[in-house]
Amino acid sequence: MTQISLFSGSAATSQRSTRLFSDTRVPAGTSPLARISAVVIAFQEWQERHRTRRDLMRLSDYQLKDIGLSRFDAEEEFQKPFWRA
């Protein structure tokens, strides 16, 4: 089996699962519908991460302190790309 990665460009690695994105794995030999479904799920997760990080930045310093974060922590999380968990 080959590894498929949309970000790394590597397609010659032998593995038992297909990697569509950095954190999404689809077992080798799955149907095209299952692969499309995995892409849709990954996209929904990306949207949720983006939304959550945006909402985190809207919290006041007091609210951030209440959940154990500083403004620096919130900004650091917000700066991550949407695909990175």
Protein backbone atom coordinates (compact mmCIF):
# COMPACT_ATOMS: atom_id res chain seq x y z
CA MET A 1 0.00 0.00 0.00
CA THR A 2 1.11 3.56 -0.57
CA GLN A 3 0.73 6.56 1.66
CA ILE A 4 -1.14 9.48 0.18
CA SER A 5 -0.57 12.86 1.72
CA LEU A 6 -2.05 16.05 0.33
CA PHE A 7 0.54 18.18 2.11
CA SER A 8 3.87 16.37 2.05
CA GLY A 9 4.03 15.20 -1.56
CA SER A 10 5.29 11.77 -0.50
CA ALA A 11 3.48 8.88 -2.20
CA ALA A 12 5.97 6.03 -2.02
CA THR A 13 5.82 5.06 1.65
CA SER A 14 4.50 1.59 2.42
CA GLN A 15 1.80 1.64 5.10
CA ARG A 16 -1.53 0.00 5.83
CA SER A 17 -3.52 3.22 5.97
CA THR A 18 -3.90 6.19 3.68
CA ARG A 19 -3.18 9.58 5.14
CA LEU A 20 -5.33 12.26 3.58
CA PHE A 21 -4.39 15.07 5.95
CA SER A 22 -2.00 15.48 8.84
CA ASP A 23 -4.38 13.93 11.38
CA THR A 24 -6.88 12.00 9.24
CA ARG A 25 -6.24 8.36 8.38
CA VAL A 26 -8.37 6.20 6.13
CA PRO A 27 -7.75 2.44 6.07
CA ALA A 28 -6.29 1.23 2.78
CA GLY A 29 -8.80 -0.29 0.40
CA THR A 30 -11.73 1.83 1.56
CA SER A 31 -14.33 3.02 -0.90
CA PRO A 32 -14.14 6.40 -2.58
CA LEU A 33 -17.23 7.43 -0.63
CA ALA A 34 -15.43 6.70 2.65
CA ARG A 35 -12.46 8.79 1.49
CA ILE A 36 -14.73 11.69 0.56
CA SER A 37 -16.43 11.35 3.92
CA ALA A 38 -13.04 11.56 5.66
CA VAL A 39 -12.24 14.75 3.76
CA VAL A 40 -15.59 16.27 4.74
CA ILE A 41 -15.02 15.35 8.40
CA ALA A 42 -11.51 16.85 8.31
CA PHE A 43 -12.91 20.05 6.80
CA GLN A 44 -15.56 20.27 9.54
CA GLU A 45 -12.88 19.77 12.21
CA TRP A 46 -10.80 22.55 10.65
CA GLN A 47 -13.78 24.89 10.73
CA GLU A 48 -14.43 24.06 14.38
CA ARG A 49 -10.76 24.70 15.29
CA HIS A 50 -10.85 28.05 13.55
CA ARG A 51 -14.09 29.03 15.28
CA THR A 52 -12.83 27.92 18.69
CA ARG A 53 -9.55 29.81 18.32
CA ARG A 54 -11.38 32.94 17.18
CA ASP A 55 -13.72 32.71 20.18
CA LEU A 56 -10.74 32.22 22.49
CA MET A 57 -9.32 35.56 21.33
CA ARG A 58 -12.63 37.27 22.16
CA LEU A 59 -12.39 36.32 25.84
CA SER A 60 -11.33 38.97 28.32
CA ASP A 61 -8.11 38.62 30.29
CA TYR A 62 -10.23 37.79 33.36
CA GLN A 63 -12.05 34.99 31.50
CA LEU A 64 -8.77 33.60 30.18
CA LYS A 65 -7.29 33.63 33.69
CA ASP A 66 -10.40 31.81 34.94
CA ILE A 67 -9.71 28.90 32.56
CA GLY A 68 -5.99 28.93 33.32
CA LEU A 69 -4.67 30.71 30.23
CA SER A 70 -2.88 33.97 29.66
CA ARG A 71 -3.35 36.38 26.76
CA PHE A 72 -0.02 35.10 25.40
CA ASP A 73 -1.32 31.49 25.47
CA ALA A 74 -4.47 32.53 23.62
CA GLU A 75 -2.53 34.43 20.98
CA GLU A 76 -0.12 31.55 20.53
CA GLU A 77 -3.04 29.16 19.97
CA PHE A 78 -4.71 31.61 17.59
CA GLN A 79 -1.57 31.85 15.44
CA LYS A 80 -1.58 28.12 14.65
CA PRO A 81 -2.77 27.16 11.16
CA PHE A 82 -6.31 25.79 11.09
CA TRP A 83 -5.15 22.30 10.13
CA ARG A 84 -2.81 21.95 13.12
CA ALA A 85 -4.35 20.51 16.28
